[in-house]
Every structure is written in C-alpha cells, then in structure tokens.
Amino acid sequence: RPAIAFATILLVIFINVFAIYQKADTNISSSDSTEVAAVDEYSQ
C-alpha cells in the first residue's frame, strides 16, 4: 500500500539521519587520543 511504503521509507530515512547526527556529536577528545597513542606504542 502506498501509505505504508511511504511511511516505511520515511522511517528508514529518519533513522539514518539520527544515526549520522549521533556519530557527528561524538568527537574524540584530546585525552582519548593520547590514550590511543600510548596503547599503540606498547602493542606487540
């Protein structure tokens, strides 16, 4: 049915936009980056 198909497409688009904005909000802070660098130095 066109109404159900249209609503499903809008829901998928909304979930994708929400996921993109959530990913953009989580930035790696400087303390996290130094911890990652320290771990990389000691990896064998």
PDB file of all heavy atoms in Angstrom:
ATOM      1  N   ARG A   1       0.848  -1.186   0.000  1.00  0.00           N
ATOM      2  CA  ARG A   1       0.000   0.000   0.000  1.00  0.00           C
ATOM      3  C   ARG A   1       0.886   1.239   0.000  1.00  0.00           C
ATOM      4  O   ARG A   1       1.909   1.285   0.682  1.00  0.00           O
ATOM      5  CB  ARG A   1      -0.891   0.022   1.238  1.00  0.00           C
ATOM      6  CG  ARG A   1      -1.932  -1.044   1.224  1.00  0.00           C
ATOM      7  CD  ARG A   1      -2.792  -0.943   2.445  1.00  0.00           C
ATOM      8  NE  ARG A   1      -3.803  -1.994   2.430  1.00  0.00           N
ATOM      9  CZ  ARG A   1      -4.645  -2.194   3.407  1.00  0.00           C
ATOM     10  NH1 ARG A   1      -4.617  -1.434   4.483  1.00  0.00           N
ATOM     11  NH2 ARG A   1      -5.519  -3.160   3.318  1.00  0.00           N
ATOM     12  N   PRO A   2       0.522   2.241  -0.786  1.00  0.00           N
ATOM     13  CA  PRO A   2       1.384   3.428  -0.886  1.00  0.00           C
ATOM     14  C   PRO A   2       1.628   4.125   0.451  1.00  0.00           C
ATOM     15  O   PRO A   2       2.742   4.574   0.715  1.00  0.00           O
ATOM     16  CB  PRO A   2       0.613   4.345  -1.839  1.00  0.00           C
ATOM     17  CG  PRO A   2      -0.242   3.437  -2.629  1.00  0.00           C
ATOM     18  CD  PRO A   2      -0.596   2.296  -1.722  1.00  0.00           C
ATOM     19  N   ALA A   3       0.632   4.200   1.306  1.00  0.00           N
ATOM     20  CA  ALA A   3       0.819   4.887   2.583  1.00  0.00           C
ATOM     21  C   ALA A   3       1.816   4.143   3.465  1.00  0.00           C
ATOM     22  O   ALA A   3       2.672   4.766   4.116  1.00  0.00           O
ATOM     23  CB  ALA A   3      -0.518   5.025   3.301  1.00  0.00           C
ATOM     24  N   ILE A   4       1.742   2.828   3.491  1.00  0.00           N
ATOM     25  CA  ILE A   4       2.656   2.034   4.317  1.00  0.00           C
ATOM     26  C   ILE A   4       4.070   2.105   3.753  1.00  0.00           C
ATOM     27  O   ILE A   4       5.037   2.270   4.495  1.00  0.00           O
ATOM     28  CB  ILE A   4       2.170   0.569   4.407  1.00  0.00           C
ATOM     29  CG1 ILE A   4       0.760   0.499   4.992  1.00  0.00           C
ATOM     30  CG2 ILE A   4       3.135  -0.280   5.197  1.00  0.00           C
ATOM     31  CD1 ILE A   4       0.637   1.046   6.396  1.00  0.00           C
ATOM     32  N   ALA A   5       4.207   1.994   2.443  1.00  0.00           N
ATOM     33  CA  ALA A   5       5.531   2.064   1.816  1.00  0.00           C
ATOM     34  C   ALA A   5       6.170   3.431   2.048  1.00  0.00           C
ATOM     35  O   ALA A   5       7.352   3.528   2.379  1.00  0.00           O
ATOM     36  CB  ALA A   5       5.417   1.772   0.316  1.00  0.00           C
ATOM     37  N   PHE A   6       5.398   4.480   1.904  1.00  0.00           N
ATOM     38  CA  PHE A   6       5.917   5.836   2.108  1.00  0.00           C
ATOM     39  C   PHE A   6       6.329   6.037   3.566  1.00  0.00           C
ATOM     40  O   PHE A   6       7.394   6.601   3.835  1.00  0.00           O
ATOM     41  CB  PHE A   6       4.856   6.860   1.697  1.00  0.00           C
ATOM     42  CG  PHE A   6       5.325   8.277   1.742  1.00  0.00           C
ATOM     43  CD1 PHE A   6       6.277   8.734   0.845  1.00  0.00           C
ATOM     44  CD2 PHE A   6       4.829   9.156   2.693  1.00  0.00           C
ATOM     45  CE1 PHE A   6       6.721  10.043   0.890  1.00  0.00           C
ATOM     46  CE2 PHE A   6       5.263  10.461   2.745  1.00  0.00           C
ATOM     47  CZ  PHE A   6       6.204  10.900   1.843  1.00  0.00           C
ATOM     48  N   ALA A   7       5.523   5.560   4.501  1.00  0.00           N
ATOM     49  CA  ALA A   7       5.857   5.687   5.922  1.00  0.00           C
ATOM     50  C   ALA A   7       7.115   4.893   6.266  1.00  0.00           C
ATOM     51  O   ALA A   7       7.954   5.351   7.053  1.00  0.00           O
ATOM     52  CB  ALA A   7       4.694   5.221   6.782  1.00  0.00           C
ATOM     53  N   THR A   8       7.290   3.722   5.669  1.00  0.00           N
ATOM     54  CA  THR A   8       8.480   2.909   5.927  1.00  0.00           C
ATOM     55  C   THR A   8       9.727   3.607   5.401  1.00  0.00           C
ATOM     56  O   THR A   8      10.774   3.629   6.074  1.00  0.00           O
ATOM     57  CB  THR A   8       8.324   1.526   5.273  1.00  0.00           C
ATOM     58  OG1 THR A   8       7.126   0.917   5.765  1.00  0.00           O
ATOM     59  CG2 THR A   8       9.514   0.636   5.560  1.00  0.00           C
ATOM     60  N   ILE A   9       9.650   4.172   4.222  1.00  0.00           N
ATOM     61  CA  ILE A   9      10.791   4.892   3.646  1.00  0.00           C
ATOM     62  C   ILE A   9      11.155   6.091   4.510  1.00  0.00           C
ATOM     63  O   ILE A   9      12.335   6.342   4.784  1.00  0.00           O
ATOM     64  CB  ILE A   9      10.491   5.312   2.188  1.00  0.00           C
ATOM     65  CG1 ILE A   9      10.454   4.074   1.292  1.00  0.00           C
ATOM     66  CG2 ILE A   9      11.517   6.313   1.677  1.00  0.00           C
ATOM     67  CD1 ILE A   9       9.947   4.331  -0.095  1.00  0.00           C
ATOM     68  N   LEU A  10      10.155   6.836   4.983  1.00  0.00           N
ATOM     69  CA  LEU A  10      10.428   7.976   5.855  1.00  0.00           C
ATOM     70  C   LEU A  10      11.058   7.536   7.170  1.00  0.00           C
ATOM     71  O   LEU A  10      11.959   8.206   7.683  1.00  0.00           O
ATOM     72  CB  LEU A  10       9.138   8.752   6.133  1.00  0.00           C
ATOM     73  CG  LEU A  10       8.624   9.612   4.988  1.00  0.00           C
ATOM     74  CD1 LEU A  10       7.326  10.299   5.386  1.00  0.00           C
ATOM     75  CD2 LEU A  10       9.658  10.647   4.587  1.00  0.00           C
ATOM     76  N   LEU A  11      10.617   6.405   7.703  1.00  0.00           N
ATOM     77  CA  LEU A  11      11.191   5.894   8.950  1.00  0.00           C
ATOM     78  C   LEU A  11      12.663   5.519   8.758  1.00  0.00           C
ATOM     79  O   LEU A  11      13.509   5.846   9.598  1.00  0.00           O
ATOM     80  CB  LEU A  11      10.398   4.692   9.442  1.00  0.00           C
ATOM     81  CG  LEU A  11      10.892   4.048  10.737  1.00  0.00           C
ATOM     82  CD1 LEU A  11      10.698   5.014  11.900  1.00  0.00           C
ATOM     83  CD2 LEU A  11      10.166   2.752  10.981  1.00  0.00           C
ATOM     84  N   VAL A  12      12.981   4.876   7.646  1.00  0.00           N
ATOM     85  CA  VAL A  12      14.379   4.494   7.378  1.00  0.00           C
ATOM     86  C   VAL A  12      15.245   5.738   7.212  1.00  0.00           C
ATOM     87  O   VAL A  12      16.356   5.815   7.751  1.00  0.00           O
ATOM     88  CB  VAL A  12      14.458   3.583   6.133  1.00  0.00           C
ATOM     89  CG1 VAL A  12      15.885   3.405   5.660  1.00  0.00           C
ATOM     90  CG2 VAL A  12      13.813   2.245   6.425  1.00  0.00           C
ATOM     91  N   ILE A  13      14.744   6.726   6.513  1.00  0.00           N
ATOM     92  CA  ILE A  13      15.496   7.972   6.327  1.00  0.00           C
ATOM     93  C   ILE A  13      15.696   8.663   7.674  1.00  0.00           C
ATOM     94  O   ILE A  13      16.792   9.162   7.978  1.00  0.00           O
ATOM     95  CB  ILE A  13      14.781   8.904   5.319  1.00  0.00           C
ATOM     96  CG1 ILE A  13      14.868   8.301   3.911  1.00  0.00           C
ATOM     97  CG2 ILE A  13      15.369  10.312   5.346  1.00  0.00           C
ATOM     98  CD1 ILE A  13      14.048   9.028   2.882  1.00  0.00           C
ATOM     99  N   PHE A  14      14.666   8.700   8.505  1.00  0.00           N
ATOM    100  CA  PHE A  14      14.779   9.327   9.818  1.00  0.00           C
ATOM    101  C   PHE A  14      15.816   8.621  10.682  1.00  0.00           C
ATOM    102  O   PHE A  14      16.622   9.276  11.344  1.00  0.00           O
ATOM    103  CB  PHE A  14      13.417   9.322  10.520  1.00  0.00           C
ATOM    104  CG  PHE A  14      13.469   9.845  11.920  1.00  0.00           C
ATOM    105  CD1 PHE A  14      13.605  11.197  12.159  1.00  0.00           C
ATOM    106  CD2 PHE A  14      13.397   8.980  12.999  1.00  0.00           C
ATOM    107  CE1 PHE A  14      13.666  11.694  13.456  1.00  0.00           C
ATOM    108  CE2 PHE A  14      13.454   9.461  14.294  1.00  0.00           C
ATOM    109  CZ  PHE A  14      13.587  10.815  14.526  1.00  0.00           C
ATOM    110  N   ILE A  15      15.827   7.297  10.673  1.00  0.00           N
ATOM    111  CA  ILE A  15      16.805   6.546  11.461  1.00  0.00           C
ATOM    112  C   ILE A  15      18.226   6.823  10.958  1.00  0.00           C
ATOM    113  O   ILE A  15      19.156   6.982  11.753  1.00  0.00           O
ATOM    114  CB  ILE A  15      16.474   5.042  11.443  1.00  0.00           C
ATOM    115  CG1 ILE A  15      15.197   4.779  12.242  1.00  0.00           C
ATOM    116  CG2 ILE A  15      17.617   4.209  11.987  1.00  0.00           C
ATOM    117  CD1 ILE A  15      14.670   3.373  12.130  1.00  0.00           C
ATOM    118  N   ASN A  16      18.410   6.896   9.644  1.00  0.00           N
ATOM    119  CA  ASN A  16      19.736   7.192   9.087  1.00  0.00           C
ATOM    120  C   ASN A  16      20.218   8.588   9.481  1.00  0.00           C
ATOM    121  O   ASN A  16      21.371   8.766   9.858  1.00  0.00           O
ATOM    122  CB  ASN A  16      19.715   7.048   7.569  1.00  0.00           C
ATOM    123  CG  ASN A  16      19.709   5.607   7.135  1.00  0.00           C
ATOM    124  OD1 ASN A  16      20.170   4.733   7.856  1.00  0.00           O
ATOM    125  ND2 ASN A  16      19.188   5.355   5.958  1.00  0.00           N
ATOM    126  N   VAL A  17      19.339   9.573   9.386  1.00  0.00           N
ATOM    127  CA  VAL A  17      19.714  10.939   9.751  1.00  0.00           C
ATOM    128  C   VAL A  17      20.050  10.996  11.238  1.00  0.00           C
ATOM    129  O   VAL A  17      21.025  11.637  11.645  1.00  0.00           O
ATOM    130  CB  VAL A  17      18.578  11.927   9.389  1.00  0.00           C
ATOM    131  CG1 VAL A  17      18.802  13.294  10.011  1.00  0.00           C
ATOM    132  CG2 VAL A  17      18.456  12.042   7.878  1.00  0.00           C
ATOM    133  N   PHE A  18      19.260  10.327  12.059  1.00  0.00           N
ATOM    134  CA  PHE A  18      19.519  10.296  13.500  1.00  0.00           C
ATOM    135  C   PHE A  18      20.879   9.661  13.796  1.00  0.00           C
ATOM    136  O   PHE A  18      21.645  10.174  14.606  1.00  0.00           O
ATOM    137  CB  PHE A  18      18.403   9.518  14.202  1.00  0.00           C
ATOM    138  CG  PHE A  18      18.562   9.447  15.686  1.00  0.00           C
ATOM    139  CD1 PHE A  18      18.305  10.556  16.473  1.00  0.00           C
ATOM    140  CD2 PHE A  18      18.964   8.273  16.291  1.00  0.00           C
ATOM    141  CE1 PHE A  18      18.444  10.498  17.840  1.00  0.00           C
ATOM    142  CE2 PHE A  18      19.113   8.193  17.662  1.00  0.00           C
ATOM    143  CZ  PHE A  18      18.849   9.320  18.444  1.00  0.00           C
ATOM    144  N   ALA A  19      21.203   8.568  13.117  1.00  0.00           N
ATOM    145  CA  ALA A  19      22.486   7.900  13.332  1.00  0.00           C
ATOM    146  C   ALA A  19      23.647   8.780  12.888  1.00  0.00           C
ATOM    147  O   ALA A  19      24.697   8.827  13.554  1.00  0.00           O
ATOM    148  CB  ALA A  19      22.510   6.574  12.590  1.00  0.00           C
ATOM    149  N   ILE A  20      23.499   9.506  11.805  1.00  0.00           N
ATOM    150  CA  ILE A  20      24.564  10.386  11.321  1.00  0.00           C
ATOM    151  C   ILE A  20      24.810  11.514  12.312  1.00  0.00           C
ATOM    152  O   ILE A  20      25.962  11.832  12.624  1.00  0.00           O
ATOM    153  CB  ILE A  20      24.218  10.937   9.913  1.00  0.00           C
ATOM    154  CG1 ILE A  20      24.313   9.808   8.881  1.00  0.00           C
ATOM    155  CG2 ILE A  20      25.126  12.096   9.537  1.00  0.00           C
ATOM    156  CD1 ILE A  20      23.786  10.178   7.523  1.00  0.00           C
ATOM    157  N   TYR A  21      23.743  12.122  12.821  1.00  0.00           N
ATOM    158  CA  TYR A  21      23.920  13.204  13.784  1.00  0.00           C
ATOM    159  C   TYR A  21      24.480  12.702  15.112  1.00  0.00           C
ATOM    160  O   TYR A  21      25.231  13.404  15.766  1.00  0.00           O
ATOM    161  CB  TYR A  21      22.617  13.967  14.007  1.00  0.00           C
ATOM    162  CG  TYR A  21      22.340  14.956  12.905  1.00  0.00           C
ATOM    163  CD1 TYR A  21      21.203  14.858  12.128  1.00  0.00           C
ATOM    164  CD2 TYR A  21      23.232  15.993  12.631  1.00  0.00           C
ATOM    165  CE1 TYR A  21      20.953  15.750  11.114  1.00  0.00           C
ATOM    166  CE2 TYR A  21      22.989  16.895  11.622  1.00  0.00           C
ATOM    167  CZ  TYR A  21      21.846  16.766  10.863  1.00  0.00           C
ATOM    168  OH  TYR A  21      21.612  17.661   9.868  1.00  0.00           O
ATOM    169  N   GLN A  22      24.136  11.511  15.511  1.00  0.00           N
ATOM    170  CA  GLN A  22      24.697  10.946  16.733  1.00  0.00           C
ATOM    171  C   GLN A  22      26.200  10.707  16.566  1.00  0.00           C
ATOM    172  O   GLN A  22      26.975  10.928  17.479  1.00  0.00           O
ATOM    173  CB  GLN A  22      24.014   9.632  17.115  1.00  0.00           C
ATOM    174  CG  GLN A  22      22.641   9.817  17.662  1.00  0.00           C
ATOM    175  CD  GLN A  22      22.648  10.431  19.045  1.00  0.00           C
ATOM    176  OE1 GLN A  22      23.443  11.299  19.373  1.00  0.00           O
ATOM    177  NE2 GLN A  22      21.743   9.985  19.876  1.00  0.00           N
ATOM    178  N   LYS A  23      26.595  10.228  15.408  1.00  0.00           N
ATOM    179  CA  LYS A  23      28.018   9.965  15.145  1.00  0.00           C
ATOM    180  C   LYS A  23      28.791  11.273  15.081  1.00  0.00           C
ATOM    181  O   LYS A  23      29.921  11.348  15.541  1.00  0.00           O
ATOM    182  CB  LYS A  23      28.164   9.188  13.848  1.00  0.00           C
ATOM    183  CG  LYS A  23      29.584   8.862  13.491  1.00  0.00           C
ATOM    184  CD  LYS A  23      29.727   7.420  13.209  1.00  0.00           C
ATOM    185  CE  LYS A  23      31.135   7.139  12.780  1.00  0.00           C
ATOM    186  NZ  LYS A  23      31.759   6.192  13.638  1.00  0.00           N
ATOM    187  N   ALA A  24      28.206  12.316  14.522  1.00  0.00           N
ATOM    188  CA  ALA A  24      28.887  13.602  14.405  1.00  0.00           C
ATOM    189  C   ALA A  24      29.070  14.257  15.770  1.00  0.00           C
ATOM    190  O   ALA A  24      30.029  14.985  15.984  1.00  0.00           O
ATOM    191  CB  ALA A  24      28.103  14.529  13.490  1.00  0.00           C
ATOM    192  N   ASP A  25      28.190  13.996  16.712  1.00  0.00           N
ATOM    193  CA  ASP A  25      28.284  14.602  18.032  1.00  0.00           C
ATOM    194  C   ASP A  25      29.362  13.971  18.894  1.00  0.00           C
ATOM    195  O   ASP A  25      29.882  14.611  19.811  1.00  0.00           O
ATOM    196  CB  ASP A  25      26.935  14.513  18.761  1.00  0.00           C
ATOM    197  CG  ASP A  25      25.904  15.435  18.141  1.00  0.00           C
ATOM    198  OD1 ASP A  25      26.297  16.351  17.394  1.00  0.00           O
ATOM    199  OD2 ASP A  25      24.700  15.240  18.407  1.00  0.00           O
ATOM    200  N   THR A  26      29.694  12.733  18.656  1.00  0.00           N
ATOM    201  CA  THR A  26      30.716  12.068  19.466  1.00  0.00           C
ATOM    202  C   THR A  26      32.077  12.275  18.822  1.00  0.00           C
ATOM    203  O   THR A  26      32.456  11.573  17.894  1.00  0.00           O
ATOM    204  CB  THR A  26      30.423  10.563  19.602  1.00  0.00           C
ATOM    205  OG1 THR A  26      30.083  10.046  18.317  1.00  0.00           O
ATOM    206  CG2 THR A  26      29.318  10.296  20.580  1.00  0.00           C
ATOM    207  N   ASN A  27      32.816  13.252  19.321  1.00  0.00           N
ATOM    208  CA  ASN A  27      34.170  13.535  18.833  1.00  0.00           C
ATOM    209  C   ASN A  27      35.164  12.959  19.829  1.00  0.00           C
ATOM    210  O   ASN A  27      34.929  12.926  21.034  1.00  0.00           O
ATOM    211  CB  ASN A  27      34.398  15.033  18.687  1.00  0.00           C
ATOM    212  CG  ASN A  27      33.531  15.625  17.609  1.00  0.00           C
ATOM    213  OD1 ASN A  27      33.210  14.954  16.645  1.00  0.00           O
ATOM    214  ND2 ASN A  27      33.136  16.878  17.780  1.00  0.00           N
ATOM    215  N   ILE A  28      36.330  12.557  19.340  1.00  0.00           N
ATOM    216  CA  ILE A  28      37.376  12.038  20.215  1.00  0.00           C
ATOM    217  C   ILE A  28      38.071  13.227  20.866  1.00  0.00           C
ATOM    218  O   ILE A  28      38.566  14.121  20.173  1.00  0.00           O
ATOM    219  CB  ILE A  28      38.375  11.174  19.433  1.00  0.00           C
ATOM    220  CG1 ILE A  28      37.668   9.963  18.852  1.00  0.00           C
ATOM    221  CG2 ILE A  28      39.529  10.761  20.320  1.00  0.00           C
ATOM    222  CD1 ILE A  28      38.553   9.105  17.982  1.00  0.00           C
ATOM    223  N   SER A  29      38.098  13.235  22.184  1.00  0.00           N
ATOM    224  CA  SER A  29      38.763  14.335  22.889  1.00  0.00           C
ATOM    225  C   SER A  29      40.281  14.123  22.850  1.00  0.00           C
ATOM    226  O   SER A  29      40.778  13.062  22.495  1.00  0.00           O
ATOM    227  CB  SER A  29      38.262  14.426  24.330  1.00  0.00           C
ATOM    228  OG  SER A  29      38.635  13.267  25.036  1.00  0.00           O
ATOM    229  N   SER A  30      41.018  15.148  23.263  1.00  0.00           N
ATOM    230  CA  SER A  30      42.477  15.059  23.198  1.00  0.00           C
ATOM    231  C   SER A  30      43.018  14.024  24.174  1.00  0.00           C
ATOM    232  O   SER A  30      44.010  13.355  23.891  1.00  0.00           O
ATOM    233  CB  SER A  30      43.101  16.428  23.473  1.00  0.00           C
ATOM    234  OG  SER A  30      42.747  16.846  24.787  1.00  0.00           O
ATOM    235  N   SER A  31      42.380  13.839  25.334  1.00  0.00           N
ATOM    236  CA  SER A  31      42.865  12.846  26.288  1.00  0.00           C
ATOM    237  C   SER A  31      42.642  11.435  25.739  1.00  0.00           C
ATOM    238  O   SER A  31      43.460  10.546  25.968  1.00  0.00           O
ATOM    239  CB  SER A  31      42.160  13.009  27.637  1.00  0.00           C
ATOM    240  OG  SER A  31      40.788  12.768  27.494  1.00  0.00           O
ATOM    241  N   ASP A  32      41.560  11.244  25.046  1.00  0.00           N
ATOM    242  CA  ASP A  32      41.313   9.936  24.446  1.00  0.00           C
ATOM    243  C   ASP A  32      42.329   9.623  23.362  1.00  0.00           C
ATOM    244  O   ASP A  32      42.773   8.488  23.220  1.00  0.00           O
ATOM    245  CB  ASP A  32      39.899   9.864  23.861  1.00  0.00           C
ATOM    246  CG  ASP A  32      38.823   9.875  24.932  1.00  0.00           C
ATOM    247  OD1 ASP A  32      39.158   9.561  26.096  1.00  0.00           O
ATOM    248  OD2 ASP A  32      37.668  10.208  24.600  1.00  0.00           O
ATOM    249  N   SER A  33      42.712  10.635  22.597  1.00  0.00           N
ATOM    250  CA  SER A  33      43.666  10.388  21.512  1.00  0.00           C
ATOM    251  C   SER A  33      45.041  10.051  22.059  1.00  0.00           C
ATOM    252  O   SER A  33      45.771   9.255  21.472  1.00  0.00           O
ATOM    253  CB  SER A  33      43.730  11.584  20.566  1.00  0.00           C
ATOM    254  OG  SER A  33      44.202  12.724  21.271  1.00  0.00           O
ATOM    255  N   THR A  34      45.449  10.660  23.202  1.00  0.00           N
ATOM    256  CA  THR A  34      46.742  10.320  23.776  1.00  0.00           C
ATOM    257  C   THR A  34      46.729   8.911  24.347  1.00  0.00           C
ATOM    258  O   THR A  34      47.742   8.214  24.288  1.00  0.00           O
ATOM    259  CB  THR A  34      47.135  11.324  24.879  1.00  0.00           C
ATOM    260  OG1 THR A  34      46.102  11.343  25.866  1.00  0.00           O
ATOM    261  CG2 THR A  34      47.346  12.710  24.313  1.00  0.00           C
ATOM    262  N   GLU A  35      45.590   8.489  24.889  1.00  0.00           N
ATOM    263  CA  GLU A  35      45.495   7.123  25.400  1.00  0.00           C
ATOM    264  C   GLU A  35      45.615   6.122  24.257  1.00  0.00           C
ATOM    265  O   GLU A  35      46.267   5.091  24.385  1.00  0.00           O
ATOM    266  CB  GLU A  35      44.187   6.919  26.146  1.00  0.00           C
ATOM    267  CG  GLU A  35      44.105   7.639  27.468  1.00  0.00           C
ATOM    268  CD  GLU A  35      42.766   7.475  28.133  1.00  0.00           C
ATOM    269  OE1 GLU A  35      42.002   6.592  27.704  1.00  0.00           O
ATOM    270  OE2 GLU A  35      42.485   8.218  29.067  1.00  0.00           O
ATOM    271  N   VAL A  36      44.998   6.430  23.135  1.00  0.00           N
ATOM    272  CA  VAL A  36      45.070   5.548  21.978  1.00  0.00           C
ATOM    273  C   VAL A  36      46.499   5.476  21.470  1.00  0.00           C
ATOM    274  O   VAL A  36      47.007   4.414  21.115  1.00  0.00           O
ATOM    275  CB  VAL A  36      44.095   6.014  20.867  1.00  0.00           C
ATOM    276  CG1 VAL A  36      44.318   5.251  19.584  1.00  0.00           C
ATOM    277  CG2 VAL A  36      42.662   5.890  21.338  1.00  0.00           C
ATOM    278  N   ALA A  37      47.220   6.623  21.478  1.00  0.00           N
ATOM    279  CA  ALA A  37      48.610   6.640  21.016  1.00  0.00           C
ATOM    280  C   ALA A  37      49.496   5.836  21.949  1.00  0.00           C
ATOM    281  O   ALA A  37      50.395   5.112  21.507  1.00  0.00           O
ATOM    282  CB  ALA A  37      49.112   8.073  20.912  1.00  0.00           C
ATOM    283  N   ALA A  38      49.265   5.939  23.247  1.00  0.00           N
ATOM    284  CA  ALA A  38      50.064   5.186  24.217  1.00  0.00           C
ATOM    285  C   ALA A  38      49.828   3.692  24.055  1.00  0.00           C
ATOM    286  O   ALA A  38      50.748   2.884  24.168  1.00  0.00           O
ATOM    287  CB  ALA A  38      49.725   5.635  25.634  1.00  0.00           C
ATOM    288  N   VAL A  39      48.635   3.300  23.809  1.00  0.00           N
ATOM    289  CA  VAL A  39      48.328   1.886  23.610  1.00  0.00           C
ATOM    290  C   VAL A  39      48.998   1.389  22.344  1.00  0.00           C
ATOM    291  O   VAL A  39      49.535   0.275  22.295  1.00  0.00           O
ATOM    292  CB  VAL A  39      46.795   1.662  23.564  1.00  0.00           C
ATOM    293  CG1 VAL A  39      46.467   0.256  23.106  1.00  0.00           C
ATOM    294  CG2 VAL A  39      46.174   1.955  24.913  1.00  0.00           C
ATOM    295  N   ASP A  40      49.044   2.205  21.317  1.00  0.00           N
ATOM    296  CA  ASP A  40      49.680   1.796  20.062  1.00  0.00           C
ATOM    297  C   ASP A  40      51.189   1.606  20.249  1.00  0.00           C
ATOM    298  O   ASP A  40      51.799   0.756  19.606  1.00  0.00           O
ATOM    299  CB  ASP A  40      49.427   2.840  18.966  1.00  0.00           C
ATOM    300  CG  ASP A  40      48.008   2.755  18.431  1.00  0.00           C
ATOM    301  OD1 ASP A  40      47.371   1.700  18.643  1.00  0.00           O
ATOM    302  OD2 ASP A  40      47.549   3.738  17.819  1.00  0.00           O
ATOM    303  N   GLU A  41      51.821   2.391  21.117  1.00  0.00           N
ATOM    304  CA  GLU A  41      53.262   2.262  21.337  1.00  0.00           C
ATOM    305  C   GLU A  41      53.607   0.931  21.990  1.00  0.00           C
ATOM    306  O   GLU A  41      54.656   0.365  21.741  1.00  0.00           O
ATOM    307  CB  GLU A  41      53.764   3.407  22.212  1.00  0.00           C
ATOM    308  CG  GLU A  41      53.777   4.739  21.524  1.00  0.00           C
ATOM    309  CD  GLU A  41      54.210   5.865  22.451  1.00  0.00           C
ATOM    310  OE1 GLU A  41      54.754   5.568  23.536  1.00  0.00           O
ATOM    311  OE2 GLU A  41      54.002   7.019  22.088  1.00  0.00           O
ATOM    312  N   TYR A  42      52.768   0.453  22.871  1.00  0.00           N
ATOM    313  CA  TYR A  42      53.062  -0.770  23.602  1.00  0.00           C
ATOM    314  C   TYR A  42      52.505  -2.029  22.949  1.00  0.00           C
ATOM    315  O   TYR A  42      52.647  -3.110  23.485  1.00  0.00           O
ATOM    316  CB  TYR A  42      52.529  -0.669  25.030  1.00  0.00           C
ATOM    317  CG  TYR A  42      53.280   0.359  25.834  1.00  0.00           C
ATOM    318  CD1 TYR A  42      52.680   1.562  26.158  1.00  0.00           C
ATOM    319  CD2 TYR A  42      54.588   0.129  26.233  1.00  0.00           C
ATOM    320  CE1 TYR A  42      53.364   2.510  26.883  1.00  0.00           C
ATOM    321  CE2 TYR A  42      55.292   1.076  26.958  1.00  0.00           C
ATOM    322  CZ  TYR A  42      54.670   2.269  27.282  1.00  0.00           C
ATOM    323  OH  TYR A  42      55.347   3.213  27.992  1.00  0.00           O
ATOM    324  N   SER A  43      51.889  -1.880  21.843  1.00  0.00           N
ATOM    325  CA  SER A  43      51.362  -3.078  21.182  1.00  0.00           C
ATOM    326  C   SER A  43      52.522  -3.877  20.595  1.00  0.00           C
ATOM    327  O   SER A  43      53.507  -3.322  20.114  1.00  0.00           O
ATOM    328  CB  SER A  43      50.363  -2.711  20.089  1.00  0.00           C
ATOM    329  OG  SER A  43      51.019  -2.017  19.065  1.00  0.00           O
ATOM    330  N   GLN A  44      52.383  -5.155  20.662  1.00  0.00           N
ATOM    331  CA  GLN A  44      53.447  -6.028  20.169  1.00  0.00           C
ATOM    332  C   GLN A  44      52.937  -6.796  18.968  1.00  0.00           C
ATOM    333  O   GLN A  44      51.785  -7.175  18.902  1.00  0.00           O
ATOM    334  CB  GLN A  44      53.861  -7.026  21.244  1.00  0.00           C
ATOM    335  CG  GLN A  44      54.458  -6.375  22.463  1.00  0.00           C
ATOM    336  CD  GLN A  44      54.798  -7.424  23.503  1.00  0.00           C
ATOM    337  OE1 GLN A  44      54.497  -8.594  23.349  1.00  0.00           O
ATOM    338  NE2 GLN A  44      55.456  -6.984  24.566  1.00  0.00           N
TER     339      GLN A  44
END
